[in-house]
N, C-alpha and C. Protein backbone atom coordinates (compact mmCIF):
# COMPACT_ATOMS: atom_id res chain seq x y z
N UNK A 1 0.83 -1.19 0.00
CA UNK A 1 0.00 0.00 0.00
C UNK A 1 0.87 1.25 0.00
N UNK A 2 1.42 1.57 -1.11
CA UNK A 2 2.30 2.74 -1.22
C UNK A 2 1.60 4.02 -0.83
N UNK A 3 0.34 4.14 -1.23
CA UNK A 3 -0.41 5.35 -0.93
C UNK A 3 -0.56 5.51 0.57
N UNK A 4 -0.83 4.44 1.28
CA UNK A 4 -1.00 4.49 2.72
C UNK A 4 0.26 5.02 3.38
N UNK A 5 1.40 4.53 2.96
CA UNK A 5 2.66 4.98 3.55
C UNK A 5 2.92 6.44 3.24
N UNK A 6 2.61 6.87 2.02
CA UNK A 6 2.88 8.25 1.66
C UNK A 6 1.92 9.21 2.33
N UNK A 7 0.80 8.72 2.81
CA UNK A 7 -0.20 9.58 3.46
C UNK A 7 -0.06 9.59 4.97
N UNK A 8 0.75 8.73 5.52
CA UNK A 8 0.82 8.55 6.96
C UNK A 8 1.03 9.86 7.71
N UNK A 9 1.92 10.70 7.23
CA UNK A 9 2.22 11.93 7.95
C UNK A 9 1.14 12.98 7.82
N UNK A 10 0.51 13.07 6.68
CA UNK A 10 -0.49 14.10 6.43
C UNK A 10 -1.71 13.49 5.77
N UNK A 11 -2.73 13.24 6.55
CA UNK A 11 -3.92 12.60 6.02
C UNK A 11 -4.60 13.45 4.96
N UNK A 12 -4.59 14.76 5.13
CA UNK A 12 -5.25 15.61 4.15
C UNK A 12 -4.53 15.59 2.82
N UNK A 13 -3.26 15.23 2.79
CA UNK A 13 -2.51 15.14 1.55
C UNK A 13 -3.00 14.02 0.66
N UNK A 14 -3.61 13.01 1.24
CA UNK A 14 -4.12 11.87 0.46
C UNK A 14 -5.25 12.28 -0.46
N UNK A 15 -6.04 13.23 -0.05
CA UNK A 15 -7.20 13.62 -0.84
C UNK A 15 -6.78 14.14 -2.20
N UNK A 16 -5.66 14.82 -2.28
CA UNK A 16 -5.20 15.36 -3.55
C UNK A 16 -4.90 14.29 -4.58
N UNK A 17 -4.63 13.08 -4.15
CA UNK A 17 -4.33 12.00 -5.07
C UNK A 17 -5.57 11.49 -5.79
N UNK A 18 -6.73 11.80 -5.26
CA UNK A 18 -7.99 11.38 -5.87
C UNK A 18 -8.63 12.61 -6.51
N UNK A 19 -8.48 12.72 -7.80
CA UNK A 19 -8.91 13.89 -8.55
C UNK A 19 -10.43 13.91 -8.69
N UNK A 20 -11.08 14.86 -8.02
CA UNK A 20 -12.54 14.93 -8.04
C UNK A 20 -13.09 15.45 -9.36
N UNK A 21 -12.24 15.96 -10.23
CA UNK A 21 -12.72 16.47 -11.51
C UNK A 21 -13.13 15.34 -12.45
N UNK A 22 -12.69 14.13 -12.15
CA UNK A 22 -13.08 12.98 -12.96
C UNK A 22 -14.30 12.33 -12.31
N UNK A 23 -15.39 12.13 -13.06
CA UNK A 23 -16.62 11.61 -12.47
C UNK A 23 -16.45 10.28 -11.74
N UNK A 24 -15.61 9.40 -12.24
CA UNK A 24 -15.46 8.10 -11.60
C UNK A 24 -14.75 8.19 -10.25
N UNK A 25 -14.09 9.29 -9.97
CA UNK A 25 -13.39 9.46 -8.70
C UNK A 25 -14.13 10.36 -7.73
N UNK A 26 -15.26 10.91 -8.13
CA UNK A 26 -15.94 11.90 -7.31
C UNK A 26 -16.38 11.33 -5.96
N UNK A 27 -17.04 10.17 -5.96
CA UNK A 27 -17.49 9.61 -4.68
C UNK A 27 -16.31 9.12 -3.86
N UNK A 28 -15.25 8.65 -4.51
CA UNK A 28 -14.06 8.21 -3.78
C UNK A 28 -13.44 9.38 -3.02
N UNK A 29 -13.38 10.54 -3.64
CA UNK A 29 -12.83 11.73 -2.98
C UNK A 29 -13.69 12.10 -1.78
N UNK A 30 -15.00 12.03 -1.94
CA UNK A 30 -15.90 12.37 -0.84
C UNK A 30 -15.76 11.37 0.31
N UNK A 31 -15.54 10.11 0.00
CA UNK A 31 -15.32 9.10 1.04
C UNK A 31 -14.06 9.45 1.83
N UNK A 32 -13.00 9.82 1.14
CA UNK A 32 -11.75 10.16 1.81
C UNK A 32 -11.92 11.41 2.68
N UNK A 33 -12.67 12.38 2.22
CA UNK A 33 -12.92 13.58 3.02
C UNK A 33 -13.73 13.23 4.26
N UNK A 34 -14.71 12.34 4.11
CA UNK A 34 -15.52 11.92 5.26
C UNK A 34 -14.66 11.24 6.31
N UNK A 35 -13.71 10.44 5.87
CA UNK A 35 -12.82 9.76 6.81
C UNK A 35 -11.96 10.79 7.54
N UNK A 36 -11.48 11.80 6.83
CA UNK A 36 -10.66 12.84 7.46
C UNK A 36 -11.42 13.56 8.56
N UNK A 37 -12.72 13.77 8.36
CA UNK A 37 -13.52 14.49 9.36
C UNK A 37 -14.18 13.55 10.36
N UNK A 38 -14.05 12.23 10.13
CA UNK A 38 -14.67 11.21 10.98
C UNK A 38 -16.17 11.44 11.10
N UNK A 39 -16.79 11.73 9.98
CA UNK A 39 -18.23 12.02 9.95
C UNK A 39 -18.98 10.88 9.26
N UNK A 40 -19.77 10.15 10.05
CA UNK A 40 -20.57 9.05 9.49
C UNK A 40 -21.61 9.58 8.52
N UNK A 41 -22.16 10.75 8.84
CA UNK A 41 -23.17 11.35 7.95
C UNK A 41 -22.56 11.70 6.60
N UNK A 42 -21.38 12.29 6.60
CA UNK A 42 -20.71 12.64 5.35
C UNK A 42 -20.35 11.38 4.57
N UNK A 43 -19.98 10.31 5.27
CA UNK A 43 -19.66 9.06 4.60
C UNK A 43 -20.90 8.49 3.92
N UNK A 44 -22.03 8.49 4.63
CA UNK A 44 -23.27 7.98 4.03
C UNK A 44 -23.67 8.79 2.80
N UNK A 45 -23.49 10.10 2.86
CA UNK A 45 -23.79 10.94 1.71
C UNK A 45 -22.84 10.64 0.56
N UNK A 46 -21.58 10.42 0.86
CA UNK A 46 -20.58 10.14 -0.18
C UNK A 46 -20.86 8.81 -0.86
N UNK A 47 -21.19 7.80 -0.10
CA UNK A 47 -21.39 6.48 -0.67
C UNK A 47 -22.76 6.38 -1.36
N UNK A 48 -23.68 7.26 -1.01
CA UNK A 48 -25.01 7.23 -1.63
C UNK A 48 -24.95 7.57 -3.12
N UNK A 49 -23.95 8.33 -3.54
CA UNK A 49 -23.85 8.70 -4.96
C UNK A 49 -23.11 7.65 -5.78
N UNK A 50 -22.51 6.67 -5.08
CA UNK A 50 -21.79 5.61 -5.79
C UNK A 50 -22.80 4.65 -6.42
N UNK A 51 -22.50 4.12 -7.60
CA UNK A 51 -23.38 3.13 -8.20
C UNK A 51 -23.53 1.93 -7.26
N UNK A 52 -24.71 1.37 -7.22
CA UNK A 52 -25.02 0.29 -6.29
C UNK A 52 -24.05 -0.89 -6.40
N UNK A 53 -23.64 -1.22 -7.60
CA UNK A 53 -22.74 -2.36 -7.77
C UNK A 53 -21.29 -2.03 -7.42
N UNK A 54 -21.01 -0.79 -7.03
CA UNK A 54 -19.64 -0.40 -6.69
C UNK A 54 -19.52 0.10 -5.25
N UNK A 55 -20.60 0.01 -4.49
CA UNK A 55 -20.57 0.53 -3.11
C UNK A 55 -19.50 -0.14 -2.27
N UNK A 56 -19.47 -1.46 -2.29
CA UNK A 56 -18.50 -2.18 -1.46
C UNK A 56 -17.07 -1.87 -1.90
N UNK A 57 -16.87 -1.78 -3.20
CA UNK A 57 -15.53 -1.47 -3.71
C UNK A 57 -15.09 -0.08 -3.26
N UNK A 58 -16.02 0.87 -3.26
CA UNK A 58 -15.69 2.25 -2.84
C UNK A 58 -15.26 2.28 -1.37
N UNK A 59 -15.78 1.36 -0.57
CA UNK A 59 -15.45 1.34 0.85
C UNK A 59 -14.23 0.49 1.17
N UNK A 60 -13.94 -0.48 0.33
CA UNK A 60 -12.87 -1.42 0.65
C UNK A 60 -11.60 -1.25 -0.17
N UNK A 61 -11.72 -0.69 -1.37
CA UNK A 61 -10.53 -0.54 -2.20
C UNK A 61 -10.78 0.54 -3.24
N UNK A 62 -9.98 1.57 -3.19
CA UNK A 62 -10.05 2.64 -4.18
C UNK A 62 -8.73 2.64 -4.93
N UNK A 63 -8.80 2.59 -6.26
CA UNK A 63 -7.60 2.62 -7.08
C UNK A 63 -7.68 3.79 -8.04
N UNK A 64 -6.65 4.59 -8.04
CA UNK A 64 -6.53 5.70 -8.98
C UNK A 64 -5.15 5.60 -9.59
N UNK A 65 -5.12 5.36 -10.89
CA UNK A 65 -3.84 5.16 -11.56
C UNK A 65 -3.19 3.90 -11.03
N UNK A 66 -1.99 4.03 -10.51
CA UNK A 66 -1.27 2.87 -9.97
C UNK A 66 -1.36 2.80 -8.46
N UNK A 67 -2.00 3.78 -7.83
CA UNK A 67 -2.10 3.83 -6.38
C UNK A 67 -3.43 3.23 -5.93
N UNK A 68 -3.41 2.51 -4.82
CA UNK A 68 -4.65 2.00 -4.25
C UNK A 68 -4.59 2.10 -2.74
N UNK A 69 -5.75 2.21 -2.14
CA UNK A 69 -5.87 2.33 -0.69
C UNK A 69 -7.19 1.72 -0.27
N UNK A 70 -7.24 1.19 0.93
CA UNK A 70 -8.48 0.70 1.50
C UNK A 70 -9.01 1.76 2.45
N UNK A 71 -10.10 2.43 2.07
CA UNK A 71 -10.66 3.44 2.97
C UNK A 71 -11.05 2.86 4.32
N UNK A 72 -11.52 1.61 4.34
CA UNK A 72 -11.90 0.97 5.60
C UNK A 72 -10.67 0.82 6.51
N UNK A 73 -9.59 0.29 5.96
CA UNK A 73 -8.37 0.14 6.73
C UNK A 73 -7.85 1.50 7.19
N UNK A 74 -7.89 2.47 6.29
CA UNK A 74 -7.40 3.79 6.62
C UNK A 74 -8.23 4.43 7.74
N UNK A 75 -9.55 4.23 7.70
CA UNK A 75 -10.42 4.78 8.74
C UNK A 75 -10.05 4.20 10.11
N UNK A 76 -9.83 2.90 10.16
CA UNK A 76 -9.46 2.26 11.42
C UNK A 76 -8.08 2.73 11.87
N UNK A 77 -7.13 2.73 10.96
CA UNK A 77 -5.75 3.09 11.28
C UNK A 77 -5.62 4.54 11.74
N UNK A 78 -6.44 5.43 11.16
CA UNK A 78 -6.34 6.84 11.53
C UNK A 78 -7.24 7.20 12.71
N UNK A 79 -8.01 6.23 13.22
CA UNK A 79 -8.86 6.50 14.38
C UNK A 79 -10.22 7.06 14.04
N UNK A 80 -10.62 7.01 12.78
CA UNK A 80 -11.94 7.49 12.37
C UNK A 80 -12.96 6.37 12.56
N UNK A 81 -13.21 6.05 13.81
CA UNK A 81 -14.03 4.88 14.13
C UNK A 81 -15.50 5.07 13.81
N UNK A 82 -15.99 6.30 13.84
CA UNK A 82 -17.39 6.54 13.43
C UNK A 82 -17.57 6.19 11.97
N UNK A 83 -16.60 6.55 11.15
CA UNK A 83 -16.67 6.21 9.72
C UNK A 83 -16.53 4.70 9.52
N UNK A 84 -15.63 4.07 10.26
CA UNK A 84 -15.45 2.62 10.14
C UNK A 84 -16.74 1.90 10.51
N UNK A 85 -17.41 2.36 11.55
CA UNK A 85 -18.68 1.75 11.96
C UNK A 85 -19.73 1.92 10.87
N UNK A 86 -19.80 3.13 10.30
CA UNK A 86 -20.77 3.38 9.23
C UNK A 86 -20.47 2.52 8.01
N UNK A 87 -19.19 2.28 7.74
CA UNK A 87 -18.81 1.42 6.61
C UNK A 87 -19.28 -0.02 6.84
N UNK A 88 -19.06 -0.53 8.03
CA UNK A 88 -19.49 -1.90 8.34
C UNK A 88 -21.00 -2.01 8.23
N UNK A 89 -21.72 -1.02 8.77
CA UNK A 89 -23.19 -1.04 8.69
C UNK A 89 -23.64 -1.03 7.23
N UNK A 90 -23.01 -0.22 6.40
CA UNK A 90 -23.40 -0.16 4.99
C UNK A 90 -23.09 -1.47 4.27
N UNK A 91 -21.94 -2.05 4.56
CA UNK A 91 -21.56 -3.30 3.91
C UNK A 91 -22.48 -4.45 4.30
N UNK A 92 -23.00 -4.44 5.51
CA UNK A 92 -23.84 -5.53 5.98
C UNK A 92 -25.33 -5.31 5.72
N UNK A 93 -25.67 -4.17 5.16
CA UNK A 93 -27.07 -3.88 4.84
C UNK A 93 -27.50 -4.70 3.63
N UNK A 94 -28.63 -5.39 3.78
CA UNK A 94 -29.17 -6.18 2.67
C UNK A 94 -30.11 -5.28 1.89
N UNK A 95 -29.85 -5.16 0.60
CA UNK A 95 -30.66 -4.28 -0.24
C UNK A 95 -31.42 -5.10 -1.27
N UNK A 96 -32.68 -4.76 -1.45
CA UNK A 96 -33.49 -5.46 -2.45
C UNK A 96 -33.10 -4.99 -3.85
N UNK A 97 -33.35 -5.83 -4.81
CA UNK A 97 -33.11 -5.50 -6.20
C UNK A 97 -34.16 -4.48 -6.64
N UNK A 98 -33.73 -3.35 -7.15
CA UNK A 98 -34.68 -2.30 -7.56
C UNK A 98 -35.51 -2.66 -8.75
N UNK A 99 -35.02 -3.59 -9.57
CA UNK A 99 -35.75 -3.93 -10.80
C UNK A 99 -36.94 -4.85 -10.53
N UNK A 100 -37.02 -5.45 -9.36
CA UNK A 100 -38.12 -6.35 -9.04
C UNK A 100 -39.33 -5.54 -8.58
N UNK A 101 -40.45 -5.81 -9.17
CA UNK A 101 -41.68 -5.11 -8.78
C UNK A 101 -42.38 -5.90 -7.68
N UNK A 102 -42.92 -5.19 -6.71
CA UNK A 102 -43.67 -5.84 -5.63
C UNK A 102 -45.09 -6.06 -6.12
N UNK A 103 -45.54 -7.28 -6.02
CA UNK A 103 -46.90 -7.59 -6.49
C UNK A 103 -47.79 -7.97 -5.36
């Protein structure tokens, strides 16, 4: 985890590595900002914009270019336990398929 080591001294420096100007990185950047502030509410808002089939990936592994980081691991390692708890709750939530109609 090269990114993790390079971010160890300055957590806010990690956010710059995830360019929010690219649509595919927008929710990833918001997740990283939520972890920096240890805000479960901000994390839920950040992950809500992620496509449903990519929610778990956004919480467990973010890759930009050749760098990758686990936001979950980073949240625990940096002491952002409110965010880590919100991540576990989101990962364990069972969601119904939206395409199925209730009859």
